Amino acid sequence: MFNLGPLEILLIFGIGLLVLGPRRLPEVAQYLGKFYGMIRKTTWELRQTLDQELLEEDRAERRAEAEKRREEFRAKRAAQRAAEPAPVEPEFGPAVAETTPEPDEEAS
């Protein structure tokens, strides 16, 4: 995270030993370790919360988009059905019956 090599860590440890002394250095190191862990946990929780919120927002946008497309499709389909001519029913009436020959007439 901080890109510290072994020499930098030794230097920081040496300065801490000179400033704090051998008795307080472990206490301060323990405190800093706990503080660092607490910060990492808090940032992880914050990141998870933000990711969850973004995911829910994205899902809501996708649902709205899908519903919009669905409504557009339904409206387009209804307009196409309204524009189509009504199917024409064939007429089976006397005019058709008059043009077909009788079976008896064919034999003669």
N, C-alpha and C. Protein backbone atom coordinates (compact mmCIF):
# COMPACT_ATOMS: atom_id res chain seq x y z
N MET A 1 0.82 -1.19 0.00
CA MET A 1 0.00 0.00 0.00
C MET A 1 0.87 1.26 0.00
N PHE A 2 1.89 1.29 0.84
CA PHE A 2 2.74 2.47 0.92
C PHE A 2 4.03 2.31 0.11
N ASN A 3 4.23 1.13 -0.49
CA ASN A 3 5.44 0.83 -1.25
C ASN A 3 6.70 1.05 -0.42
N LEU A 4 6.71 0.48 0.76
CA LEU A 4 7.88 0.58 1.63
C LEU A 4 8.71 -0.69 1.51
N GLY A 5 9.98 -0.50 1.30
CA GLY A 5 10.90 -1.63 1.25
C GLY A 5 11.41 -1.94 2.64
N PRO A 6 12.24 -2.97 2.77
CA PRO A 6 12.75 -3.36 4.09
C PRO A 6 13.64 -2.28 4.72
N LEU A 7 14.39 -1.55 3.93
CA LEU A 7 15.24 -0.49 4.50
C LEU A 7 14.40 0.65 5.06
N GLU A 8 13.34 1.03 4.35
CA GLU A 8 12.48 2.10 4.86
C GLU A 8 11.80 1.70 6.15
N ILE A 9 11.38 0.44 6.23
CA ILE A 9 10.73 -0.04 7.45
C ILE A 9 11.72 -0.03 8.62
N LEU A 10 12.93 -0.48 8.38
CA LEU A 10 13.96 -0.45 9.43
C LEU A 10 14.26 0.98 9.88
N LEU A 11 14.32 1.90 8.95
CA LEU A 11 14.57 3.30 9.28
C LEU A 11 13.44 3.86 10.16
N ILE A 12 12.19 3.58 9.77
CA ILE A 12 11.05 4.05 10.57
C ILE A 12 11.08 3.42 11.95
N PHE A 13 11.38 2.13 12.02
CA PHE A 13 11.47 1.44 13.31
C PHE A 13 12.57 2.06 14.17
N GLY A 14 13.72 2.35 13.58
CA GLY A 14 14.83 2.95 14.33
C GLY A 14 14.47 4.33 14.85
N ILE A 15 13.83 5.15 14.03
CA ILE A 15 13.43 6.49 14.48
C ILE A 15 12.38 6.37 15.58
N GLY A 16 11.43 5.43 15.42
CA GLY A 16 10.41 5.23 16.45
C GLY A 16 11.03 4.76 17.76
N LEU A 17 12.05 3.92 17.68
CA LEU A 17 12.74 3.43 18.88
C LEU A 17 13.45 4.57 19.58
N LEU A 18 14.08 5.45 18.83
CA LEU A 18 14.77 6.59 19.43
C LEU A 18 13.79 7.59 20.05
N VAL A 19 12.69 7.86 19.36
CA VAL A 19 11.73 8.87 19.84
C VAL A 19 10.89 8.33 20.99
N LEU A 20 10.35 7.13 20.86
CA LEU A 20 9.42 6.60 21.85
C LEU A 20 10.11 5.79 22.95
N GLY A 21 11.18 5.18 22.63
CA GLY A 21 11.86 4.33 23.62
C GLY A 21 11.38 2.90 23.50
N PRO A 22 12.13 1.98 24.10
CA PRO A 22 11.81 0.56 23.97
C PRO A 22 10.53 0.14 24.70
N ARG A 23 10.08 0.90 25.68
CA ARG A 23 8.88 0.50 26.44
C ARG A 23 7.60 0.93 25.72
N ARG A 24 7.59 2.12 25.15
CA ARG A 24 6.36 2.62 24.52
C ARG A 24 6.22 2.18 23.06
N LEU A 25 7.27 1.80 22.40
CA LEU A 25 7.21 1.44 20.98
C LEU A 25 6.25 0.29 20.71
N PRO A 26 6.24 -0.81 21.49
CA PRO A 26 5.27 -1.89 21.24
C PRO A 26 3.82 -1.43 21.44
N GLU A 27 3.60 -0.58 22.45
CA GLU A 27 2.23 -0.10 22.70
C GLU A 27 1.75 0.75 21.52
N VAL A 28 2.59 1.64 21.05
CA VAL A 28 2.23 2.51 19.93
C VAL A 28 2.04 1.68 18.65
N ALA A 29 2.90 0.69 18.44
CA ALA A 29 2.78 -0.16 17.26
C ALA A 29 1.46 -0.94 17.30
N GLN A 30 1.10 -1.44 18.50
CA GLN A 30 -0.15 -2.16 18.64
C GLN A 30 -1.34 -1.24 18.35
N TYR A 31 -1.30 -0.02 18.90
CA TYR A 31 -2.36 0.95 18.67
C TYR A 31 -2.47 1.28 17.18
N LEU A 32 -1.34 1.51 16.52
CA LEU A 32 -1.36 1.83 15.09
C LEU A 32 -1.88 0.66 14.26
N GLY A 33 -1.54 -0.56 14.66
CA GLY A 33 -2.04 -1.74 13.96
C GLY A 33 -3.55 -1.87 14.09
N LYS A 34 -4.09 -1.64 15.29
CA LYS A 34 -5.54 -1.69 15.49
C LYS A 34 -6.24 -0.58 14.72
N PHE A 35 -5.63 0.60 14.74
CA PHE A 35 -6.21 1.74 14.04
C PHE A 35 -6.24 1.47 12.53
N TYR A 36 -5.15 0.92 12.01
CA TYR A 36 -5.08 0.59 10.60
C TYR A 36 -6.13 -0.46 10.22
N GLY A 37 -6.29 -1.48 11.07
CA GLY A 37 -7.31 -2.51 10.83
C GLY A 37 -8.72 -1.94 10.85
N MET A 38 -8.96 -1.01 11.79
CA MET A 38 -10.27 -0.39 11.88
C MET A 38 -10.56 0.44 10.62
N ILE A 39 -9.55 1.15 10.14
CA ILE A 39 -9.74 1.95 8.93
C ILE A 39 -10.01 1.04 7.73
N ARG A 40 -9.27 -0.04 7.63
CA ARG A 40 -9.49 -0.97 6.51
C ARG A 40 -10.89 -1.57 6.56
N LYS A 41 -11.35 -1.94 7.76
CA LYS A 41 -12.68 -2.51 7.90
C LYS A 41 -13.75 -1.49 7.51
N THR A 42 -13.57 -0.26 7.97
CA THR A 42 -14.54 0.79 7.66
C THR A 42 -14.58 1.09 6.17
N THR A 43 -13.43 1.18 5.53
CA THR A 43 -13.42 1.44 4.09
C THR A 43 -14.01 0.27 3.32
N TRP A 44 -13.78 -0.96 3.77
CA TRP A 44 -14.37 -2.12 3.12
C TRP A 44 -15.89 -2.08 3.21
N GLU A 45 -16.41 -1.77 4.42
CA GLU A 45 -17.86 -1.68 4.61
C GLU A 45 -18.46 -0.56 3.75
N LEU A 46 -17.76 0.56 3.69
CA LEU A 46 -18.23 1.68 2.87
C LEU A 46 -18.26 1.28 1.39
N ARG A 47 -17.22 0.61 0.95
CA ARG A 47 -17.16 0.17 -0.45
C ARG A 47 -18.29 -0.82 -0.74
N GLN A 48 -18.56 -1.75 0.18
CA GLN A 48 -19.64 -2.71 -0.03
C GLN A 48 -20.99 -2.01 -0.10
N THR A 49 -21.19 -1.03 0.77
CA THR A 49 -22.45 -0.29 0.77
C THR A 49 -22.63 0.47 -0.54
N LEU A 50 -21.58 1.14 -0.99
CA LEU A 50 -21.67 1.88 -2.24
C LEU A 50 -21.90 0.95 -3.43
N ASP A 51 -21.21 -0.17 -3.45
CA ASP A 51 -21.42 -1.13 -4.53
C ASP A 51 -22.85 -1.64 -4.55
N GLN A 52 -23.39 -1.92 -3.37
CA GLN A 52 -24.77 -2.40 -3.28
C GLN A 52 -25.75 -1.34 -3.78
N GLU A 53 -25.54 -0.09 -3.38
CA GLU A 53 -26.42 0.99 -3.82
C GLU A 53 -26.35 1.17 -5.34
N LEU A 54 -25.14 1.13 -5.89
CA LEU A 54 -24.98 1.27 -7.33
C LEU A 54 -25.64 0.11 -8.07
N LEU A 55 -25.52 -1.08 -7.52
CA LEU A 55 -26.14 -2.25 -8.13
C LEU A 55 -27.66 -2.12 -8.13
N GLU A 56 -28.23 -1.69 -7.03
CA GLU A 56 -29.68 -1.51 -6.95
C GLU A 56 -30.14 -0.42 -7.90
N GLU A 57 -29.38 0.66 -8.00
CA GLU A 57 -29.73 1.74 -8.92
C GLU A 57 -29.67 1.25 -10.37
N ASP A 58 -28.65 0.47 -10.69
CA ASP A 58 -28.52 -0.07 -12.03
C ASP A 58 -29.67 -1.01 -12.36
N ARG A 59 -30.06 -1.83 -11.41
CA ARG A 59 -31.19 -2.74 -11.62
C ARG A 59 -32.48 -1.95 -11.86
N ALA A 60 -32.68 -0.90 -11.09
CA ALA A 60 -33.88 -0.08 -11.26
C ALA A 60 -33.90 0.57 -12.65
N GLU A 61 -32.75 1.06 -13.09
CA GLU A 61 -32.68 1.66 -14.42
C GLU A 61 -32.96 0.63 -15.51
N ARG A 62 -32.42 -0.57 -15.34
CA ARG A 62 -32.67 -1.61 -16.33
C ARG A 62 -34.13 -2.02 -16.36
N ARG A 63 -34.75 -2.12 -15.19
CA ARG A 63 -36.18 -2.45 -15.15
C ARG A 63 -37.00 -1.38 -15.85
N ALA A 64 -36.68 -0.12 -15.58
CA ALA A 64 -37.41 0.99 -16.21
C ALA A 64 -37.22 0.96 -17.72
N GLU A 65 -36.01 0.71 -18.17
CA GLU A 65 -35.72 0.63 -19.60
C GLU A 65 -36.49 -0.53 -20.25
N ALA A 66 -36.50 -1.68 -19.58
CA ALA A 66 -37.22 -2.84 -20.11
C ALA A 66 -38.71 -2.57 -20.18
N GLU A 67 -39.26 -1.93 -19.16
CA GLU A 67 -40.69 -1.61 -19.15
C GLU A 67 -41.01 -0.61 -20.26
N LYS A 68 -40.14 0.35 -20.47
CA LYS A 68 -40.34 1.35 -21.53
C LYS A 68 -40.34 0.66 -22.90
N ARG A 69 -39.38 -0.23 -23.13
CA ARG A 69 -39.33 -0.95 -24.40
C ARG A 69 -40.55 -1.84 -24.59
N ARG A 70 -40.98 -2.47 -23.51
CA ARG A 70 -42.15 -3.33 -23.56
C ARG A 70 -43.39 -2.53 -23.97
N GLU A 71 -43.56 -1.35 -23.37
CA GLU A 71 -44.70 -0.50 -23.70
C GLU A 71 -44.62 0.00 -25.14
N GLU A 72 -43.42 0.37 -25.60
CA GLU A 72 -43.25 0.80 -26.98
C GLU A 72 -43.61 -0.33 -27.95
N PHE A 73 -43.17 -1.53 -27.63
CA PHE A 73 -43.47 -2.68 -28.48
C PHE A 73 -44.97 -2.93 -28.53
N ARG A 74 -45.63 -2.88 -27.38
CA ARG A 74 -47.08 -3.10 -27.34
C ARG A 74 -47.82 -2.04 -28.14
N ALA A 75 -47.40 -0.78 -28.01
CA ALA A 75 -48.05 0.30 -28.75
C ALA A 75 -47.83 0.13 -30.25
N LYS A 76 -46.63 -0.25 -30.64
CA LYS A 76 -46.33 -0.45 -32.06
C LYS A 76 -47.14 -1.61 -32.62
N ARG A 77 -47.23 -2.68 -31.86
CA ARG A 77 -47.99 -3.84 -32.29
C ARG A 77 -49.48 -3.53 -32.40
N ALA A 78 -50.00 -2.75 -31.46
CA ALA A 78 -51.41 -2.36 -31.52
C ALA A 78 -51.67 -1.46 -32.73
N ALA A 79 -50.73 -0.57 -33.05
CA ALA A 79 -50.88 0.29 -34.22
C ALA A 79 -50.84 -0.52 -35.50
N GLN A 80 -49.98 -1.53 -35.56
CA GLN A 80 -49.91 -2.38 -36.75
C GLN A 80 -51.20 -3.17 -36.93
N ARG A 81 -51.73 -3.66 -35.84
CA ARG A 81 -52.98 -4.43 -35.92
C ARG A 81 -54.14 -3.53 -36.36
N ALA A 82 -54.13 -2.29 -35.89
CA ALA A 82 -55.20 -1.36 -36.27
C ALA A 82 -55.07 -0.96 -37.73
N ALA A 83 -53.86 -0.91 -38.26
CA ALA A 83 -53.65 -0.51 -39.65
C ALA A 83 -53.92 -1.64 -40.63
N GLU A 84 -53.88 -2.87 -40.19
CA GLU A 84 -54.12 -4.00 -41.08
C GLU A 84 -55.58 -4.03 -41.49
N PRO A 85 -55.85 -4.33 -42.77
CA PRO A 85 -57.25 -4.44 -43.17
C PRO A 85 -57.89 -5.67 -42.53
N ALA A 86 -59.16 -5.57 -42.34
CA ALA A 86 -59.88 -6.70 -41.75
C ALA A 86 -59.88 -7.86 -42.74
N PRO A 87 -59.76 -9.08 -42.28
CA PRO A 87 -59.76 -10.21 -43.20
C PRO A 87 -61.11 -10.31 -43.90
N VAL A 88 -61.08 -10.57 -45.19
CA VAL A 88 -62.30 -10.67 -45.98
C VAL A 88 -62.80 -12.11 -45.92
N GLU A 89 -64.04 -12.24 -45.54
CA GLU A 89 -64.65 -13.56 -45.48
C GLU A 89 -65.14 -13.94 -46.87
N PRO A 90 -64.85 -15.12 -47.34
CA PRO A 90 -65.35 -15.52 -48.66
C PRO A 90 -66.87 -15.69 -48.63
N GLU A 91 -67.46 -15.32 -49.73
CA GLU A 91 -68.92 -15.44 -49.79
C GLU A 91 -69.29 -16.79 -50.39
N PHE A 92 -70.05 -17.53 -49.68
CA PHE A 92 -70.57 -18.79 -50.18
C PHE A 92 -72.08 -18.62 -50.27
N GLY A 93 -72.48 -18.10 -51.34
CA GLY A 93 -73.91 -17.86 -51.50
C GLY A 93 -74.41 -18.46 -52.78
N PRO A 94 -75.55 -17.99 -53.23
CA PRO A 94 -76.16 -18.53 -54.43
C PRO A 94 -75.29 -18.31 -55.67
N ALA A 95 -74.50 -17.26 -55.73
CA ALA A 95 -73.69 -17.00 -56.91
C ALA A 95 -72.68 -18.11 -57.12
N VAL A 96 -72.12 -18.62 -56.10
CA VAL A 96 -71.16 -19.70 -56.21
C VAL A 96 -71.86 -21.00 -56.57
N ALA A 97 -73.02 -21.20 -56.02
CA ALA A 97 -73.77 -22.43 -56.27
C ALA A 97 -74.24 -22.48 -57.72
N GLU A 98 -74.54 -21.34 -58.34
CA GLU A 98 -75.03 -21.30 -59.71
C GLU A 98 -73.93 -21.65 -60.70
N THR A 99 -72.68 -21.35 -60.40
CA THR A 99 -71.61 -21.59 -61.35
C THR A 99 -71.10 -23.02 -61.32
N THR A 100 -71.36 -23.74 -60.29
CA THR A 100 -70.89 -25.12 -60.23
C THR A 100 -71.90 -26.01 -60.94
N PRO A 101 -71.43 -26.88 -61.82
CA PRO A 101 -72.37 -27.74 -62.56
C PRO A 101 -72.92 -28.85 -61.68
N GLU A 102 -74.09 -29.27 -62.05
CA GLU A 102 -74.73 -30.37 -61.36
C GLU A 102 -74.06 -31.66 -61.80
N PRO A 103 -73.96 -32.66 -60.92
CA PRO A 103 -73.34 -33.91 -61.31
C PRO A 103 -74.09 -34.62 -62.43
N ASP A 104 -75.42 -34.50 -62.52
CA ASP A 104 -76.20 -35.18 -63.53
C ASP A 104 -75.92 -34.58 -64.91
N GLU A 105 -75.68 -33.27 -64.96
CA GLU A 105 -75.45 -32.60 -66.24
C GLU A 105 -74.13 -33.02 -66.85
N GLU A 106 -73.15 -33.36 -66.06
CA GLU A 106 -71.85 -33.76 -66.56
C GLU A 106 -71.93 -35.09 -67.30
N ALA A 107 -72.78 -35.97 -66.90
CA ALA A 107 -72.88 -37.28 -67.49
C ALA A 107 -73.50 -37.21 -68.88
N SER A 108 -74.35 -36.25 -69.16
CA SER A 108 -75.03 -36.20 -70.45
C SER A 108 -74.21 -35.67 -71.56
